[in-house]
Amino acid sequence: MDEARLAALERRVADLEEKLRGPVTAGGGPASPDADVFWALEGLLARVDEPGAVLITGGVTLPDGRVARWQEGAGTAELLDTDWSQHVAALAALGHPARIRLLTRVLAGAVTAHDLMAVEGMGTSGQVYHHLRQLVAAGWLHTVGGGRYEVPVGRVVPLLTTLLAGRR
């Protein structure tokens, strides 16, 4: 094999090895696989020490024009040392398909109990009101007068990120 071909092959192998190693952070440690995709993660990792942290953030404009901008973060140690049972009611309220359909409709603009009773497969008016009470009690909905419901702006991004997490 001639020297030019060998040198070109060695360069290609070195390039492949570099890609497999991946990028490094300013501190010299390995970065996330794709800094463009993991820009939020890279920003978080640059700001926290080991054992790390979790960050939930989002910006949403709802069909009714309300804007939700929200961010919350917590350190890994704090989360692992917390009593998770205090959050069961909020999570359990999301654990029924009818409640998820109600929340979806409320976010899309169906705001009265009467509107929500028209949702396919919701059952009787008593069942709809039962689900609405559960969602209000858990903080996922609140009443705004006149029999109207809305997802509080401060709960929009947490709700959507919870649903996003359920996709994994």
N, C-alpha and C. Protein backbone atom coordinates (compact mmCIF):
# COMPACT_ATOMS: atom_id res chain seq x y z
N MET A 1 0.87 -1.17 0.00
CA MET A 1 0.00 0.00 0.00
C MET A 1 0.90 1.22 0.00
N ASP A 2 0.58 2.22 -0.85
CA ASP A 2 1.44 3.40 -0.91
C ASP A 2 1.23 4.29 0.31
N GLU A 3 2.21 5.14 0.55
CA GLU A 3 2.20 5.97 1.76
C GLU A 3 1.03 6.95 1.80
N ALA A 4 0.63 7.51 0.68
CA ALA A 4 -0.47 8.47 0.65
C ALA A 4 -1.78 7.80 1.06
N ARG A 5 -2.02 6.59 0.52
CA ARG A 5 -3.25 5.86 0.89
C ARG A 5 -3.22 5.47 2.36
N LEU A 6 -2.06 5.04 2.85
CA LEU A 6 -1.94 4.67 4.25
C LEU A 6 -2.18 5.88 5.16
N ALA A 7 -1.62 7.03 4.81
CA ALA A 7 -1.81 8.25 5.60
C ALA A 7 -3.29 8.67 5.59
N ALA A 8 -3.95 8.56 4.45
CA ALA A 8 -5.38 8.91 4.36
C ALA A 8 -6.21 7.96 5.21
N LEU A 9 -5.88 6.68 5.16
CA LEU A 9 -6.60 5.69 5.96
C LEU A 9 -6.40 5.95 7.46
N GLU A 10 -5.18 6.27 7.86
CA GLU A 10 -4.90 6.57 9.26
C GLU A 10 -5.68 7.81 9.72
N ARG A 11 -5.78 8.83 8.84
CA ARG A 11 -6.57 10.03 9.19
C ARG A 11 -8.04 9.68 9.37
N ARG A 12 -8.57 8.84 8.49
CA ARG A 12 -9.98 8.44 8.60
C ARG A 12 -10.24 7.65 9.87
N VAL A 13 -9.33 6.75 10.22
CA VAL A 13 -9.47 5.98 11.45
C VAL A 13 -9.40 6.92 12.66
N ALA A 14 -8.48 7.86 12.66
CA ALA A 14 -8.35 8.81 13.76
C ALA A 14 -9.62 9.66 13.88
N ASP A 15 -10.19 10.08 12.75
CA ASP A 15 -11.44 10.85 12.78
C ASP A 15 -12.58 10.03 13.37
N LEU A 16 -12.67 8.77 12.98
CA LEU A 16 -13.71 7.89 13.52
C LEU A 16 -13.54 7.67 15.01
N GLU A 17 -12.30 7.46 15.44
CA GLU A 17 -12.05 7.29 16.87
C GLU A 17 -12.43 8.54 17.66
N GLU A 18 -12.13 9.71 17.11
CA GLU A 18 -12.49 10.96 17.77
C GLU A 18 -14.01 11.09 17.88
N LYS A 19 -14.72 10.74 16.84
CA LYS A 19 -16.19 10.79 16.88
C LYS A 19 -16.74 9.82 17.91
N LEU A 20 -16.15 8.65 18.04
CA LEU A 20 -16.60 7.68 19.04
C LEU A 20 -16.34 8.18 20.46
N ARG A 21 -15.22 8.87 20.66
CA ARG A 21 -14.91 9.43 21.97
C ARG A 21 -15.89 10.54 22.30
N GLY A 22 -16.31 11.26 21.30
CA GLY A 22 -17.28 12.34 21.48
C GLY A 22 -16.62 13.61 21.96
N PRO A 23 -17.41 14.66 22.02
CA PRO A 23 -16.89 15.95 22.46
C PRO A 23 -16.59 15.94 23.96
N VAL A 24 -15.82 16.91 24.37
CA VAL A 24 -15.50 17.07 25.79
C VAL A 24 -15.97 18.44 26.24
N THR A 25 -16.26 18.57 27.52
CA THR A 25 -16.67 19.85 28.08
C THR A 25 -15.44 20.70 28.33
N ALA A 26 -15.67 21.96 28.70
CA ALA A 26 -14.57 22.87 28.98
C ALA A 26 -13.68 22.33 30.10
N GLY A 27 -14.28 21.55 31.02
CA GLY A 27 -13.51 20.97 32.12
C GLY A 27 -12.74 19.73 31.73
N GLY A 28 -12.88 19.28 30.48
CA GLY A 28 -12.14 18.12 30.01
C GLY A 28 -12.89 16.80 30.11
N GLY A 29 -14.05 16.79 30.78
CA GLY A 29 -14.84 15.57 30.90
C GLY A 29 -15.67 15.34 29.65
N PRO A 30 -16.19 14.14 29.50
CA PRO A 30 -17.00 13.87 28.31
C PRO A 30 -18.27 14.70 28.31
N ALA A 31 -18.60 15.22 27.14
CA ALA A 31 -19.84 15.98 26.98
C ALA A 31 -20.94 15.02 26.53
N SER A 32 -22.15 15.53 26.53
CA SER A 32 -23.26 14.74 26.00
C SER A 32 -22.99 14.43 24.54
N PRO A 33 -23.59 13.38 24.02
CA PRO A 33 -23.30 12.94 22.66
C PRO A 33 -23.46 14.03 21.60
N ASP A 34 -24.43 14.91 21.71
CA ASP A 34 -24.63 15.95 20.72
C ASP A 34 -24.99 17.23 21.46
N ALA A 35 -24.04 18.15 21.55
CA ALA A 35 -24.24 19.37 22.32
C ALA A 35 -25.38 20.21 21.77
N ASP A 36 -25.66 20.13 20.47
CA ASP A 36 -26.78 20.88 19.91
C ASP A 36 -28.10 20.31 20.40
N VAL A 37 -28.20 19.01 20.52
CA VAL A 37 -29.42 18.37 20.99
C VAL A 37 -29.54 18.51 22.49
N PHE A 38 -28.45 18.41 23.20
CA PHE A 38 -28.44 18.40 24.67
C PHE A 38 -28.00 19.75 25.25
N TRP A 39 -28.38 20.85 24.62
CA TRP A 39 -27.94 22.17 25.07
C TRP A 39 -28.43 22.47 26.48
N ALA A 40 -29.64 22.09 26.83
CA ALA A 40 -30.15 22.34 28.19
C ALA A 40 -29.39 21.49 29.20
N LEU A 41 -29.14 20.25 28.85
CA LEU A 41 -28.38 19.36 29.74
C LEU A 41 -26.96 19.88 29.94
N GLU A 42 -26.34 20.31 28.88
CA GLU A 42 -24.97 20.83 29.00
C GLU A 42 -24.95 22.06 29.91
N GLY A 43 -25.96 22.94 29.79
CA GLY A 43 -26.04 24.10 30.66
C GLY A 43 -26.23 23.72 32.11
N LEU A 44 -27.07 22.71 32.35
CA LEU A 44 -27.29 22.23 33.72
C LEU A 44 -26.00 21.64 34.30
N LEU A 45 -25.35 20.78 33.54
CA LEU A 45 -24.13 20.12 34.03
C LEU A 45 -23.01 21.12 34.30
N ALA A 46 -23.01 22.23 33.58
CA ALA A 46 -21.99 23.25 33.81
C ALA A 46 -22.24 24.01 35.10
N ARG A 47 -23.46 23.91 35.66
CA ARG A 47 -23.82 24.69 36.83
C ARG A 47 -23.91 23.89 38.13
N VAL A 48 -23.88 22.57 38.05
CA VAL A 48 -24.06 21.77 39.25
C VAL A 48 -22.88 20.83 39.47
N ASP A 49 -22.71 20.46 40.72
CA ASP A 49 -21.68 19.50 41.08
C ASP A 49 -22.28 18.10 41.11
N GLU A 50 -21.42 17.10 41.29
CA GLU A 50 -21.89 15.72 41.45
C GLU A 50 -22.72 15.62 42.71
N PRO A 51 -23.71 14.84 42.79
CA PRO A 51 -24.10 13.79 41.85
C PRO A 51 -25.05 14.24 40.75
N GLY A 52 -25.19 15.54 40.54
CA GLY A 52 -26.00 16.03 39.43
C GLY A 52 -27.32 16.62 39.88
N ALA A 53 -28.16 16.89 38.91
CA ALA A 53 -29.45 17.52 39.18
C ALA A 53 -30.42 17.20 38.06
N VAL A 54 -31.67 17.53 38.28
CA VAL A 54 -32.72 17.36 37.29
C VAL A 54 -33.34 18.73 37.06
N LEU A 55 -33.65 19.03 35.80
CA LEU A 55 -34.23 20.30 35.44
C LEU A 55 -35.42 20.06 34.52
N ILE A 56 -36.53 20.72 34.83
CA ILE A 56 -37.70 20.69 33.96
C ILE A 56 -37.97 22.13 33.56
N THR A 57 -38.09 22.37 32.28
CA THR A 57 -38.32 23.72 31.81
C THR A 57 -39.17 23.71 30.56
N GLY A 58 -39.87 24.78 30.33
CA GLY A 58 -40.67 24.87 29.11
C GLY A 58 -41.28 26.23 28.93
N GLY A 59 -41.63 26.52 27.71
CA GLY A 59 -42.34 27.74 27.35
C GLY A 59 -43.46 27.36 26.40
N VAL A 60 -44.70 27.69 26.77
CA VAL A 60 -45.87 27.23 26.02
C VAL A 60 -46.84 28.40 25.85
N THR A 61 -47.36 28.55 24.65
CA THR A 61 -48.48 29.45 24.43
C THR A 61 -49.69 28.58 24.15
N LEU A 62 -50.69 28.70 25.00
CA LEU A 62 -51.89 27.88 24.90
C LEU A 62 -52.85 28.44 23.85
N PRO A 63 -53.76 27.60 23.36
CA PRO A 63 -54.73 28.08 22.36
C PRO A 63 -55.54 29.30 22.82
N ASP A 64 -55.74 29.45 24.14
CA ASP A 64 -56.50 30.60 24.63
C ASP A 64 -55.63 31.85 24.80
N GLY A 65 -54.36 31.75 24.41
CA GLY A 65 -53.45 32.89 24.45
C GLY A 65 -52.63 33.02 25.72
N ARG A 66 -52.96 32.23 26.76
CA ARG A 66 -52.16 32.29 27.98
C ARG A 66 -50.77 31.75 27.68
N VAL A 67 -49.79 32.35 28.33
CA VAL A 67 -48.40 31.95 28.14
C VAL A 67 -47.88 31.35 29.43
N ALA A 68 -47.29 30.18 29.33
CA ALA A 68 -46.69 29.51 30.49
C ALA A 68 -45.19 29.41 30.25
N ARG A 69 -44.45 30.03 31.13
CA ARG A 69 -42.99 29.93 31.14
C ARG A 69 -42.64 29.39 32.51
N TRP A 70 -41.93 28.27 32.53
CA TRP A 70 -41.74 27.60 33.81
C TRP A 70 -40.43 26.86 33.83
N GLN A 71 -39.78 26.84 35.00
CA GLN A 71 -38.56 26.08 35.18
C GLN A 71 -38.45 25.69 36.64
N GLU A 72 -38.07 24.45 36.85
CA GLU A 72 -37.80 24.00 38.22
C GLU A 72 -36.69 22.97 38.16
N GLY A 73 -35.80 23.08 39.09
CA GLY A 73 -34.70 22.13 39.16
C GLY A 73 -34.49 21.68 40.59
N ALA A 74 -33.85 20.55 40.74
CA ALA A 74 -33.53 20.03 42.07
C ALA A 74 -32.29 19.16 41.97
N GLY A 75 -31.52 19.18 43.01
CA GLY A 75 -30.33 18.34 43.07
C GLY A 75 -30.71 16.87 43.25
N THR A 76 -29.87 16.01 42.74
CA THR A 76 -30.11 14.57 42.84
C THR A 76 -30.26 14.13 44.29
N ALA A 77 -29.34 14.56 45.15
CA ALA A 77 -29.40 14.16 46.56
C ALA A 77 -30.71 14.61 47.20
N GLU A 78 -31.13 15.84 46.90
CA GLU A 78 -32.39 16.36 47.46
C GLU A 78 -33.56 15.49 47.02
N LEU A 79 -33.60 15.14 45.76
CA LEU A 79 -34.71 14.32 45.25
C LEU A 79 -34.71 12.92 45.85
N LEU A 80 -33.54 12.32 45.97
CA LEU A 80 -33.47 10.96 46.49
C LEU A 80 -33.77 10.90 47.99
N ASP A 81 -33.55 12.02 48.69
CA ASP A 81 -33.80 12.05 50.13
C ASP A 81 -35.21 12.53 50.49
N THR A 82 -36.03 12.84 49.49
CA THR A 82 -37.38 13.36 49.72
C THR A 82 -38.37 12.22 49.86
N ASP A 83 -39.40 12.45 50.67
CA ASP A 83 -40.50 11.50 50.80
C ASP A 83 -41.41 11.66 49.58
N TRP A 84 -41.32 10.75 48.65
CA TRP A 84 -42.08 10.84 47.39
C TRP A 84 -43.57 10.64 47.60
N SER A 85 -43.96 10.04 48.71
CA SER A 85 -45.38 9.74 48.92
C SER A 85 -46.24 11.00 49.00
N GLN A 86 -45.63 12.14 49.30
CA GLN A 86 -46.40 13.38 49.37
C GLN A 86 -46.90 13.83 48.00
N HIS A 87 -46.40 13.22 46.93
CA HIS A 87 -46.80 13.60 45.57
C HIS A 87 -47.76 12.59 44.93
N VAL A 88 -48.13 11.58 45.67
CA VAL A 88 -48.96 10.51 45.12
C VAL A 88 -50.30 11.03 44.63
N ALA A 89 -50.95 11.90 45.37
CA ALA A 89 -52.29 12.38 44.96
C ALA A 89 -52.23 13.11 43.62
N ALA A 90 -51.23 13.95 43.42
CA ALA A 90 -51.11 14.68 42.15
C ALA A 90 -50.86 13.72 41.00
N LEU A 91 -50.03 12.72 41.23
CA LEU A 91 -49.75 11.75 40.16
C LEU A 91 -50.93 10.82 39.94
N ALA A 92 -51.58 10.41 41.01
CA ALA A 92 -52.72 9.50 40.89
C ALA A 92 -53.86 10.15 40.11
N ALA A 93 -54.02 11.45 40.27
CA ALA A 93 -55.08 12.15 39.54
C ALA A 93 -54.88 12.05 38.03
N LEU A 94 -53.64 11.88 37.61
CA LEU A 94 -53.35 11.75 36.18
C LEU A 94 -53.48 10.30 35.70
N GLY A 95 -53.71 9.39 36.63
CA GLY A 95 -53.70 7.97 36.32
C GLY A 95 -54.99 7.40 35.75
N HIS A 96 -55.89 8.24 35.30
CA HIS A 96 -57.14 7.75 34.73
C HIS A 96 -57.29 8.32 33.32
N PRO A 97 -57.57 7.48 32.33
CA PRO A 97 -57.68 7.96 30.94
C PRO A 97 -58.70 9.09 30.76
N ALA A 98 -59.80 9.04 31.51
CA ALA A 98 -60.82 10.10 31.38
C ALA A 98 -60.26 11.44 31.84
N ARG A 99 -59.44 11.43 32.88
CA ARG A 99 -58.88 12.69 33.38
C ARG A 99 -57.86 13.26 32.41
N ILE A 100 -57.11 12.40 31.78
CA ILE A 100 -56.16 12.86 30.77
C ILE A 100 -56.93 13.49 29.60
N ARG A 101 -58.02 12.85 29.18
CA ARG A 101 -58.83 13.43 28.09
C ARG A 101 -59.41 14.78 28.50
N LEU A 102 -59.86 14.89 29.75
CA LEU A 102 -60.40 16.16 30.22
C LEU A 102 -59.33 17.26 30.20
N LEU A 103 -58.15 16.94 30.69
CA LEU A 103 -57.06 17.92 30.70
C LEU A 103 -56.69 18.34 29.28
N THR A 104 -56.65 17.37 28.37
CA THR A 104 -56.34 17.68 26.98
C THR A 104 -57.36 18.65 26.40
N ARG A 105 -58.62 18.39 26.67
CA ARG A 105 -59.69 19.25 26.16
C ARG A 105 -59.63 20.64 26.80
N VAL A 106 -59.35 20.71 28.09
CA VAL A 106 -59.27 22.01 28.75
C VAL A 106 -58.11 22.81 28.16
N LEU A 107 -56.98 22.17 27.95
CA LEU A 107 -55.84 22.88 27.35
C LEU A 107 -56.15 23.34 25.93
N ALA A 108 -57.01 22.60 25.22
CA ALA A 108 -57.37 22.96 23.85
C ALA A 108 -58.47 24.02 23.81
N GLY A 109 -59.09 24.30 24.95
CA GLY A 109 -60.07 25.36 24.98
C GLY A 109 -61.46 24.97 25.44
N ALA A 110 -61.79 23.71 25.63
CA ALA A 110 -63.09 23.32 26.17
C ALA A 110 -63.07 23.62 27.65
N VAL A 111 -63.83 24.61 28.09
CA VAL A 111 -63.62 25.09 29.45
C VAL A 111 -64.80 24.89 30.40
N THR A 112 -65.99 24.63 29.93
CA THR A 112 -67.10 24.44 30.86
C THR A 112 -67.34 22.96 31.09
N ALA A 113 -67.97 22.65 32.20
CA ALA A 113 -68.31 21.25 32.48
C ALA A 113 -69.22 20.72 31.37
N HIS A 114 -70.11 21.56 30.89
CA HIS A 114 -71.01 21.14 29.80
C HIS A 114 -70.20 20.76 28.55
N ASP A 115 -69.21 21.58 28.20
CA ASP A 115 -68.34 21.25 27.05
C ASP A 115 -67.63 19.92 27.28
N LEU A 116 -67.19 19.71 28.49
CA LEU A 116 -66.41 18.50 28.80
C LEU A 116 -67.28 17.25 28.79
N MET A 117 -68.56 17.40 29.06
CA MET A 117 -69.46 16.24 29.02
C MET A 117 -69.63 15.71 27.60
N ALA A 118 -69.33 16.54 26.62
CA ALA A 118 -69.45 16.13 25.22
C ALA A 118 -68.23 15.34 24.74
N VAL A 119 -67.20 15.23 25.57
CA VAL A 119 -66.00 14.48 25.19
C VAL A 119 -66.38 13.00 25.05
N GLU A 120 -65.96 12.42 23.96
CA GLU A 120 -66.24 11.01 23.65
C GLU A 120 -65.83 10.10 24.80
N GLY A 121 -66.77 9.24 25.23
CA GLY A 121 -66.48 8.22 26.22
C GLY A 121 -66.36 8.72 27.65
N MET A 122 -66.86 9.93 27.94
CA MET A 122 -66.71 10.48 29.30
C MET A 122 -67.72 9.91 30.29
N GLY A 123 -68.79 9.34 29.82
CA GLY A 123 -69.76 8.77 30.74
C GLY A 123 -70.79 9.79 31.16
N THR A 124 -71.35 9.60 32.33
CA THR A 124 -72.43 10.44 32.82
C THR A 124 -71.89 11.78 33.33
N SER A 125 -72.80 12.73 33.55
CA SER A 125 -72.39 14.01 34.10
C SER A 125 -71.80 13.82 35.50
N GLY A 126 -72.33 12.87 36.27
CA GLY A 126 -71.78 12.59 37.59
C GLY A 126 -70.35 12.11 37.51
N GLN A 127 -70.04 11.29 36.51
CA GLN A 127 -68.67 10.81 36.35
C GLN A 127 -67.74 11.95 35.94
N VAL A 128 -68.22 12.82 35.05
CA VAL A 128 -67.40 13.97 34.63
C VAL A 128 -67.09 14.85 35.84
N TYR A 129 -68.10 15.16 36.64
CA TYR A 129 -67.88 15.99 37.83
C TYR A 129 -66.95 15.31 38.83
N HIS A 130 -67.05 14.00 38.96
CA HIS A 130 -66.13 13.27 39.83
C HIS A 130 -64.68 13.47 39.38
N HIS A 131 -64.44 13.30 38.07
CA HIS A 131 -63.09 13.47 37.55
C HIS A 131 -62.62 14.91 37.69
N LEU A 132 -63.50 15.85 37.44
CA LEU A 132 -63.13 17.26 37.60
C LEU A 132 -62.75 17.57 39.05
N ARG A 133 -63.51 17.05 40.00
CA ARG A 133 -63.18 17.26 41.43
C ARG A 133 -61.80 16.69 41.76
N GLN A 134 -61.49 15.51 41.21
CA GLN A 134 -60.18 14.90 41.46
C GLN A 134 -59.06 15.78 40.90
N LEU A 135 -59.26 16.31 39.71
CA LEU A 135 -58.24 17.15 39.08
C LEU A 135 -58.09 18.48 39.80
N VAL A 136 -59.19 19.05 40.27
CA VAL A 136 -59.13 20.30 41.03
C VAL A 136 -58.42 20.05 42.36
N ALA A 137 -58.78 18.98 43.06
CA ALA A 137 -58.16 18.67 44.35
C ALA A 137 -56.66 18.46 44.23
N ALA A 138 -56.21 17.90 43.11
CA ALA A 138 -54.78 17.65 42.90
C ALA A 138 -54.05 18.87 42.35
N GLY A 139 -54.79 19.92 42.01
CA GLY A 139 -54.17 21.15 41.51
C GLY A 139 -53.96 21.20 40.02
N TRP A 140 -54.39 20.20 39.28
CA TRP A 140 -54.22 20.19 37.83
C TRP A 140 -55.24 21.09 37.13
N LEU A 141 -56.35 21.36 37.78
CA LEU A 141 -57.37 22.28 37.26
C LEU A 141 -57.77 23.23 38.37
N HIS A 142 -58.31 24.38 37.96
CA HIS A 142 -59.01 25.22 38.93
C HIS A 142 -60.21 25.85 38.23
N THR A 143 -61.16 26.26 39.04
CA THR A 143 -62.36 26.88 38.49
C THR A 143 -62.11 28.38 38.36
N VAL A 144 -62.65 28.93 37.29
CA VAL A 144 -62.46 30.36 37.04
C VAL A 144 -63.80 31.08 36.99
N GLY A 145 -64.85 30.46 37.54
CA GLY A 145 -66.17 31.07 37.59
C GLY A 145 -67.03 30.65 36.43
N GLY A 146 -68.33 30.70 36.64
CA GLY A 146 -69.27 30.36 35.57
C GLY A 146 -69.18 28.92 35.12
N GLY A 147 -68.75 28.02 36.02
CA GLY A 147 -68.64 26.62 35.64
C GLY A 147 -67.50 26.34 34.67
N ARG A 148 -66.54 27.27 34.59
CA ARG A 148 -65.41 27.11 33.67
C ARG A 148 -64.18 26.59 34.42
N TYR A 149 -63.39 25.83 33.70
CA TYR A 149 -62.16 25.26 34.26
C TYR A 149 -60.98 25.64 33.38
N GLU A 150 -59.81 25.72 34.02
CA GLU A 150 -58.58 25.89 33.27
C GLU A 150 -57.43 25.24 34.03
N VAL A 151 -56.41 24.88 33.29
CA VAL A 151 -55.18 24.39 33.91
C VAL A 151 -54.42 25.63 34.37
N PRO A 152 -54.09 25.74 35.66
CA PRO A 152 -53.33 26.90 36.12
C PRO A 152 -52.04 27.04 35.32
N VAL A 153 -51.68 28.26 34.99
CA VAL A 153 -50.48 28.49 34.17
C VAL A 153 -49.26 27.81 34.79
N GLY A 154 -49.15 27.86 36.11
CA GLY A 154 -48.01 27.24 36.79
C GLY A 154 -47.99 25.73 36.73
N ARG A 155 -49.07 25.11 36.25
CA ARG A 155 -49.12 23.65 36.14
C ARG A 155 -49.03 23.16 34.69
N VAL A 156 -49.06 24.08 33.72
CA VAL A 156 -49.07 23.67 32.30
C VAL A 156 -47.80 22.92 31.94
N VAL A 157 -46.64 23.51 32.19
CA VAL A 157 -45.38 22.85 31.82
C VAL A 157 -45.16 21.59 32.66
N PRO A 158 -45.39 21.60 33.98
CA PRO A 158 -45.26 20.34 34.72
C PRO A 158 -46.18 19.24 34.17
N LEU A 159 -47.40 19.60 33.80
CA LEU A 159 -48.32 18.61 33.22
C LEU A 159 -47.76 18.05 31.92
N LEU A 160 -47.34 18.93 31.04
CA LEU A 160 -46.84 18.47 29.74
C LEU A 160 -45.55 17.67 29.89
N THR A 161 -44.68 18.05 30.82
CA THR A 161 -43.45 17.28 31.00
C THR A 161 -43.72 15.93 31.66
N THR A 162 -44.74 15.87 32.52
CA THR A 162 -45.13 14.58 33.10
C THR A 162 -45.63 13.64 32.00
N LEU A 163 -46.44 14.18 31.12
CA LEU A 163 -46.92 13.36 30.00
C LEU A 163 -45.78 12.96 29.06
N LEU A 164 -44.85 13.90 28.84
CA LEU A 164 -43.69 13.58 28.02
C LEU A 164 -42.86 12.46 28.66
N ALA A 165 -42.70 12.51 29.97
CA ALA A 165 -41.94 11.47 30.67
C ALA A 165 -42.62 10.12 30.53
N GLY A 166 -43.95 10.12 30.48
CA GLY A 166 -44.69 8.87 30.33
C GLY A 166 -44.47 8.22 28.97
N ARG A 167 -43.98 8.98 28.01
CA ARG A 167 -43.70 8.42 26.68
C ARG A 167 -42.45 7.56 26.67
N ARG A 168 -41.61 7.69 27.66
CA ARG A 168 -40.32 6.97 27.70
C ARG A 168 -40.48 5.55 28.12
